[in-house]
């Protein structure tokens, strides 16, 4: 089971990785109601498309 600290580190890792692709999820954070889960939150369709494109590109490598 992960600790709140582990979850926070995971969120920061994801935030940094997304930033490398110019993607920001403003509501990315630790879900305070459910320990150990990450809240990816809502994002607009443009951000979803950027995220999907970055994942596709990474899968090709």
PDB file of N, CA and C in Angstrom:
ATOM      1  N   UNK A   1       0.848  -1.184   0.000  1.00  0.00           N
ATOM      2  CA  UNK A   1       0.000   0.000   0.000  1.00  0.00           C
ATOM      3  C   UNK A   1       0.889   1.242   0.000  1.00  0.00           C
ATOM      4  N   UNK A   2       0.534   2.210  -0.799  1.00  0.00           N
ATOM      5  CA  UNK A   2       1.359   3.416  -0.858  1.00  0.00           C
ATOM      6  C   UNK A   2       0.972   4.404   0.239  1.00  0.00           C
ATOM      7  N   UNK A   3       1.970   5.148   0.627  1.00  0.00           N
ATOM      8  CA  UNK A   3       1.752   6.184   1.633  1.00  0.00           C
ATOM      9  C   UNK A   3       1.340   7.474   0.926  1.00  0.00           C
ATOM     10  N   UNK A   4       0.789   8.432   1.673  1.00  0.00           N
ATOM     11  CA  UNK A   4       0.479   9.728   1.058  1.00  0.00           C
ATOM     12  C   UNK A   4       1.711  10.371   0.411  1.00  0.00           C
ATOM     13  N   UNK A   5       2.868  10.159   1.014  1.00  0.00           N
ATOM     14  CA  UNK A   5       4.105  10.707   0.450  1.00  0.00           C
ATOM     15  C   UNK A   5       4.410  10.056  -0.897  1.00  0.00           C
ATOM     16  N   UNK A   6       4.260   8.725  -0.978  1.00  0.00           N
ATOM     17  CA  UNK A   6       4.479   8.012  -2.246  1.00  0.00           C
ATOM     18  C   UNK A   6       3.546   8.534  -3.324  1.00  0.00           C
ATOM     19  N   UNK A   7       2.292   8.723  -2.964  1.00  0.00           N
ATOM     20  CA  UNK A   7       1.303   9.210  -3.924  1.00  0.00           C
ATOM     21  C   UNK A   7       1.673  10.602  -4.402  1.00  0.00           C
ATOM     22  N   UNK A   8       2.117  11.451  -3.497  1.00  0.00           N
ATOM     23  CA  UNK A   8       2.534  12.804  -3.857  1.00  0.00           C
ATOM     24  C   UNK A   8       3.727  12.761  -4.808  1.00  0.00           C
ATOM     25  N   UNK A   9       4.685  11.880  -4.549  1.00  0.00           N
ATOM     26  CA  UNK A   9       5.841  11.734  -5.440  1.00  0.00           C
ATOM     27  C   UNK A   9       5.400  11.274  -6.828  1.00  0.00           C
ATOM     28  N   UNK A  10       4.456  10.349  -6.885  1.00  0.00           N
ATOM     29  CA  UNK A  10       3.948   9.872  -8.177  1.00  0.00           C
ATOM     30  C   UNK A  10       3.293  11.004  -8.956  1.00  0.00           C
ATOM     31  N   UNK A  11       2.535  11.832  -8.266  1.00  0.00           N
ATOM     32  CA  UNK A  11       1.878  12.973  -8.918  1.00  0.00           C
ATOM     33  C   UNK A  11       2.923  13.913  -9.495  1.00  0.00           C
ATOM     34  N   UNK A  12       3.964  14.183  -8.731  1.00  0.00           N
ATOM     35  CA  UNK A  12       5.018  15.080  -9.214  1.00  0.00           C
ATOM     36  C   UNK A  12       5.758  14.478 -10.403  1.00  0.00           C
ATOM     37  N   UNK A  13       6.003  13.167 -10.365  1.00  0.00           N
ATOM     38  CA  UNK A  13       6.654  12.503 -11.502  1.00  0.00           C
ATOM     39  C   UNK A  13       5.806  12.638 -12.760  1.00  0.00           C
ATOM     40  N   UNK A  14       4.507  12.415 -12.620  1.00  0.00           N
ATOM     41  CA  UNK A  14       3.611  12.526 -13.768  1.00  0.00           C
ATOM     42  C   UNK A  14       3.544  13.960 -14.265  1.00  0.00           C
ATOM     43  N   UNK A  15       3.460  14.915 -13.350  1.00  0.00           N
ATOM     44  CA  UNK A  15       3.420  16.333 -13.735  1.00  0.00           C
ATOM     45  C   UNK A  15       4.669  16.714 -14.539  1.00  0.00           C
ATOM     46  N   UNK A  16       5.836  16.265 -14.070  1.00  0.00           N
ATOM     47  CA  UNK A  16       7.088  16.566 -14.767  1.00  0.00           C
ATOM     48  C   UNK A  16       7.146  15.889 -16.133  1.00  0.00           C
ATOM     49  N   UNK A  17       6.700  14.635 -16.218  1.00  0.00           N
ATOM     50  CA  UNK A  17       6.710  13.915 -17.486  1.00  0.00           C
ATOM     51  C   UNK A  17       5.767  14.569 -18.487  1.00  0.00           C
ATOM     52  N   UNK A  18       4.602  14.970 -18.043  1.00  0.00           N
ATOM     53  CA  UNK A  18       3.656  15.648 -18.930  1.00  0.00           C
ATOM     54  C   UNK A  18       4.226  16.979 -19.405  1.00  0.00           C
ATOM     55  N   UNK A  19       4.899  17.679 -18.514  1.00  0.00           N
ATOM     56  CA  UNK A  19       5.482  18.981 -18.863  1.00  0.00           C
ATOM     57  C   UNK A  19       6.522  18.847 -19.969  1.00  0.00           C
ATOM     58  N   UNK A  20       7.222  17.723 -20.018  1.00  0.00           N
ATOM     59  CA  UNK A  20       8.200  17.494 -21.086  1.00  0.00           C
ATOM     60  C   UNK A  20       7.533  17.506 -22.462  1.00  0.00           C
ATOM     61  N   UNK A  21       6.245  17.232 -22.476  1.00  0.00           N
ATOM     62  CA  UNK A  21       5.476  17.231 -23.719  1.00  0.00           C
ATOM     63  C   UNK A  21       4.599  18.470 -23.850  1.00  0.00           C
ATOM     64  N   UNK A  22       4.794  19.425 -22.937  1.00  0.00           N
ATOM     65  CA  UNK A  22       4.009  20.652 -22.978  1.00  0.00           C
ATOM     66  C   UNK A  22       2.576  20.474 -22.525  1.00  0.00           C
ATOM     67  N   UNK A  23       2.319  19.434 -21.742  1.00  0.00           N
ATOM     68  CA  UNK A  23       0.960  19.140 -21.281  1.00  0.00           C
ATOM     69  C   UNK A  23       0.838  19.479 -19.806  1.00  0.00           C
ATOM     70  N   UNK A  24      -0.221  20.202 -19.475  1.00  0.00           N
ATOM     71  CA  UNK A  24      -0.511  20.552 -18.085  1.00  0.00           C
ATOM     72  C   UNK A  24      -1.921  20.094 -17.744  1.00  0.00           C
ATOM     73  N   UNK A  25      -2.044  19.334 -16.679  1.00  0.00           N
ATOM     74  CA  UNK A  25      -3.351  18.981 -16.136  1.00  0.00           C
ATOM     75  C   UNK A  25      -3.517  19.794 -14.855  1.00  0.00           C
ATOM     76  N   UNK A  26      -4.234  20.916 -14.928  1.00  0.00           N
ATOM     77  CA  UNK A  26      -4.314  21.827 -13.789  1.00  0.00           C
ATOM     78  C   UNK A  26      -4.839  21.189 -12.510  1.00  0.00           C
ATOM     79  N   UNK A  27      -5.726  20.213 -12.633  1.00  0.00           N
ATOM     80  CA  UNK A  27      -6.310  19.628 -11.427  1.00  0.00           C
ATOM     81  C   UNK A  27      -5.614  18.334 -11.000  1.00  0.00           C
ATOM     82  N   UNK A  28      -4.459  18.032 -11.591  1.00  0.00           N
ATOM     83  CA  UNK A  28      -3.701  16.851 -11.204  1.00  0.00           C
ATOM     84  C   UNK A  28      -3.284  16.990  -9.752  1.00  0.00           C
ATOM     85  N   UNK A  29      -3.563  15.975  -8.957  1.00  0.00           N
ATOM     86  CA  UNK A  29      -3.194  16.030  -7.552  1.00  0.00           C
ATOM     87  C   UNK A  29      -3.524  14.738  -6.842  1.00  0.00           C
ATOM     88  N   UNK A  30      -3.285  14.721  -5.556  1.00  0.00           N
ATOM     89  CA  UNK A  30      -3.601  13.579  -4.720  1.00  0.00           C
ATOM     90  C   UNK A  30      -5.075  13.673  -4.349  1.00  0.00           C
ATOM     91  N   UNK A  31      -5.801  12.578  -4.514  1.00  0.00           N
ATOM     92  CA  UNK A  31      -7.211  12.525  -4.129  1.00  0.00           C
ATOM     93  C   UNK A  31      -7.280  12.505  -2.603  1.00  0.00           C
ATOM     94  N   UNK A  32      -7.752  13.581  -2.013  1.00  0.00           N
ATOM     95  CA  UNK A  32      -7.746  13.685  -0.548  1.00  0.00           C
ATOM     96  C   UNK A  32      -8.839  12.847   0.110  1.00  0.00           C
ATOM     97  N   UNK A  33      -9.819  12.406  -0.667  1.00  0.00           N
ATOM     98  CA  UNK A  33     -10.894  11.598  -0.099  1.00  0.00           C
ATOM     99  C   UNK A  33     -10.573  10.108  -0.109  1.00  0.00           C
ATOM    100  N   UNK A  34      -9.723   9.690  -1.020  1.00  0.00           N
ATOM    101  CA  UNK A  34      -9.380   8.273  -1.145  1.00  0.00           C
ATOM    102  C   UNK A  34      -7.867   8.143  -1.123  1.00  0.00           C
ATOM    103  N   UNK A  35      -7.343   7.725  -0.010  1.00  0.00           N
ATOM    104  CA  UNK A  35      -5.890   7.623   0.152  1.00  0.00           C
ATOM    105  C   UNK A  35      -5.286   6.719  -0.907  1.00  0.00           C
ATOM    106  N   UNK A  36      -4.163   7.143  -1.458  1.00  0.00           N
ATOM    107  CA  UNK A  36      -3.432   6.336  -2.403  1.00  0.00           C
ATOM    108  C   UNK A  36      -3.861   6.484  -3.850  1.00  0.00           C
ATOM    109  N   UNK A  37      -4.876   7.310  -4.118  1.00  0.00           N
ATOM    110  CA  UNK A  37      -5.309   7.509  -5.496  1.00  0.00           C
ATOM    111  C   UNK A  37      -4.908   8.888  -5.985  1.00  0.00           C
ATOM    112  N   UNK A  38      -4.698   8.973  -7.292  1.00  0.00           N
ATOM    113  CA  UNK A  38      -4.329  10.231  -7.925  1.00  0.00           C
ATOM    114  C   UNK A  38      -5.551  10.778  -8.649  1.00  0.00           C
ATOM    115  N   UNK A  39      -5.831  12.047  -8.428  1.00  0.00           N
ATOM    116  CA  UNK A  39      -6.933  12.716  -9.112  1.00  0.00           C
ATOM    117  C   UNK A  39      -6.393  13.336 -10.396  1.00  0.00           C
ATOM    118  N   UNK A  40      -6.789  12.783 -11.540  1.00  0.00           N
ATOM    119  CA  UNK A  40      -6.354  13.334 -12.818  1.00  0.00           C
ATOM    120  C   UNK A  40      -7.234  14.518 -13.205  1.00  0.00           C
ATOM    121  N   UNK A  41      -8.433  14.550 -12.710  1.00  0.00           N
ATOM    122  CA  UNK A  41      -9.310  15.695 -12.903  1.00  0.00           C
ATOM    123  C   UNK A  41      -9.845  15.856 -14.304  1.00  0.00           C
ATOM    124  N   UNK A  42     -10.545  16.937 -14.470  1.00  0.00           N
ATOM    125  CA  UNK A  42     -11.141  17.256 -15.760  1.00  0.00           C
ATOM    126  C   UNK A  42     -10.150  18.044 -16.599  1.00  0.00           C
ATOM    127  N   UNK A  43     -10.185  17.807 -17.899  1.00  0.00           N
ATOM    128  CA  UNK A  43      -9.376  18.602 -18.812  1.00  0.00           C
ATOM    129  C   UNK A  43     -10.130  18.726 -20.130  1.00  0.00           C
ATOM    130  N   UNK A  44      -9.769  19.724 -20.883  1.00  0.00           N
ATOM    131  CA  UNK A  44     -10.478  19.962 -22.134  1.00  0.00           C
ATOM    132  C   UNK A  44     -10.009  19.006 -23.225  1.00  0.00           C
ATOM    133  N   UNK A  45     -10.752  19.001 -24.333  1.00  0.00           N
ATOM    134  CA  UNK A  45     -10.452  18.046 -25.406  1.00  0.00           C
ATOM    135  C   UNK A  45      -9.083  18.291 -26.035  1.00  0.00           C
ATOM    136  N   UNK A  46      -8.639  19.532 -26.085  1.00  0.00           N
ATOM    137  CA  UNK A  46      -7.319  19.821 -26.646  1.00  0.00           C
ATOM    138  C   UNK A  46      -6.228  19.141 -25.816  1.00  0.00           C
ATOM    139  N   UNK A  47      -6.361  19.179 -24.504  1.00  0.00           N
ATOM    140  CA  UNK A  47      -5.375  18.546 -23.630  1.00  0.00           C
ATOM    141  C   UNK A  47      -5.424  17.032 -23.783  1.00  0.00           C
ATOM    142  N   UNK A  48      -6.619  16.479 -23.903  1.00  0.00           N
ATOM    143  CA  UNK A  48      -6.760  15.033 -24.091  1.00  0.00           C
ATOM    144  C   UNK A  48      -6.076  14.608 -25.387  1.00  0.00           C
ATOM    145  N   UNK A  49      -6.256  15.381 -26.432  1.00  0.00           N
ATOM    146  CA  UNK A  49      -5.616  15.053 -27.713  1.00  0.00           C
ATOM    147  C   UNK A  49      -4.098  15.134 -27.611  1.00  0.00           C
ATOM    148  N   UNK A  50      -3.576  16.142 -26.912  1.00  0.00           N
ATOM    149  CA  UNK A  50      -2.133  16.269 -26.722  1.00  0.00           C
ATOM    150  C   UNK A  50      -1.585  15.074 -25.942  1.00  0.00           C
ATOM    151  N   UNK A  51      -2.302  14.679 -24.922  1.00  0.00           N
ATOM    152  CA  UNK A  51      -1.882  13.542 -24.108  1.00  0.00           C
ATOM    153  C   UNK A  51      -1.893  12.263 -24.941  1.00  0.00           C
ATOM    154  N   UNK A  52      -2.936  12.047 -25.706  1.00  0.00           N
ATOM    155  CA  UNK A  52      -3.025  10.861 -26.554  1.00  0.00           C
ATOM    156  C   UNK A  52      -1.897  10.843 -27.589  1.00  0.00           C
ATOM    157  N   UNK A  53      -1.602  11.984 -28.186  1.00  0.00           N
ATOM    158  CA  UNK A  53      -0.527  12.070 -29.176  1.00  0.00           C
ATOM    159  C   UNK A  53       0.828  11.762 -28.540  1.00  0.00           C
ATOM    160  N   UNK A  54       1.059  12.289 -27.343  1.00  0.00           N
ATOM    161  CA  UNK A  54       2.332  12.035 -26.655  1.00  0.00           C
ATOM    162  C   UNK A  54       2.475  10.550 -26.313  1.00  0.00           C
ATOM    163  N   UNK A  55       1.401   9.918 -25.898  1.00  0.00           N
ATOM    164  CA  UNK A  55       1.452   8.502 -25.573  1.00  0.00           C
ATOM    165  C   UNK A  55       1.689   7.661 -26.823  1.00  0.00           C
ATOM    166  N   UNK A  56       1.030   8.034 -27.925  1.00  0.00           N
ATOM    167  CA  UNK A  56       1.249   7.313 -29.177  1.00  0.00           C
ATOM    168  C   UNK A  56       2.703   7.427 -29.624  1.00  0.00           C
ATOM    169  N   UNK A  57       3.242   8.634 -29.551  1.00  0.00           N
ATOM    170  CA  UNK A  57       4.623   8.870 -29.964  1.00  0.00           C
ATOM    171  C   UNK A  57       5.590   8.050 -29.109  1.00  0.00           C
ATOM    172  N   UNK A  58       5.358   8.023 -27.811  1.00  0.00           N
ATOM    173  CA  UNK A  58       6.220   7.253 -26.905  1.00  0.00           C
ATOM    174  C   UNK A  58       6.129   5.760 -27.194  1.00  0.00           C
ATOM    175  N   UNK A  59       4.963   5.283 -27.577  1.00  0.00           N
ATOM    176  CA  UNK A  59       4.778   3.863 -27.865  1.00  0.00           C
ATOM    177  C   UNK A  59       5.523   3.444 -29.135  1.00  0.00           C
ATOM    178  N   UNK A  60       5.718   4.378 -30.042  1.00  0.00           N
ATOM    179  CA  UNK A  60       6.401   4.086 -31.301  1.00  0.00           C
ATOM    180  C   UNK A  60       7.914   3.933 -31.110  1.00  0.00           C
ATOM    181  N   UNK A  61       8.446   4.458 -30.042  1.00  0.00           N
ATOM    182  CA  UNK A  61       9.907   4.448 -29.834  1.00  0.00           C
ATOM    183  C   UNK A  61      10.401   3.133 -29.318  1.00  0.00           C
TER     184      UNK A  61
END
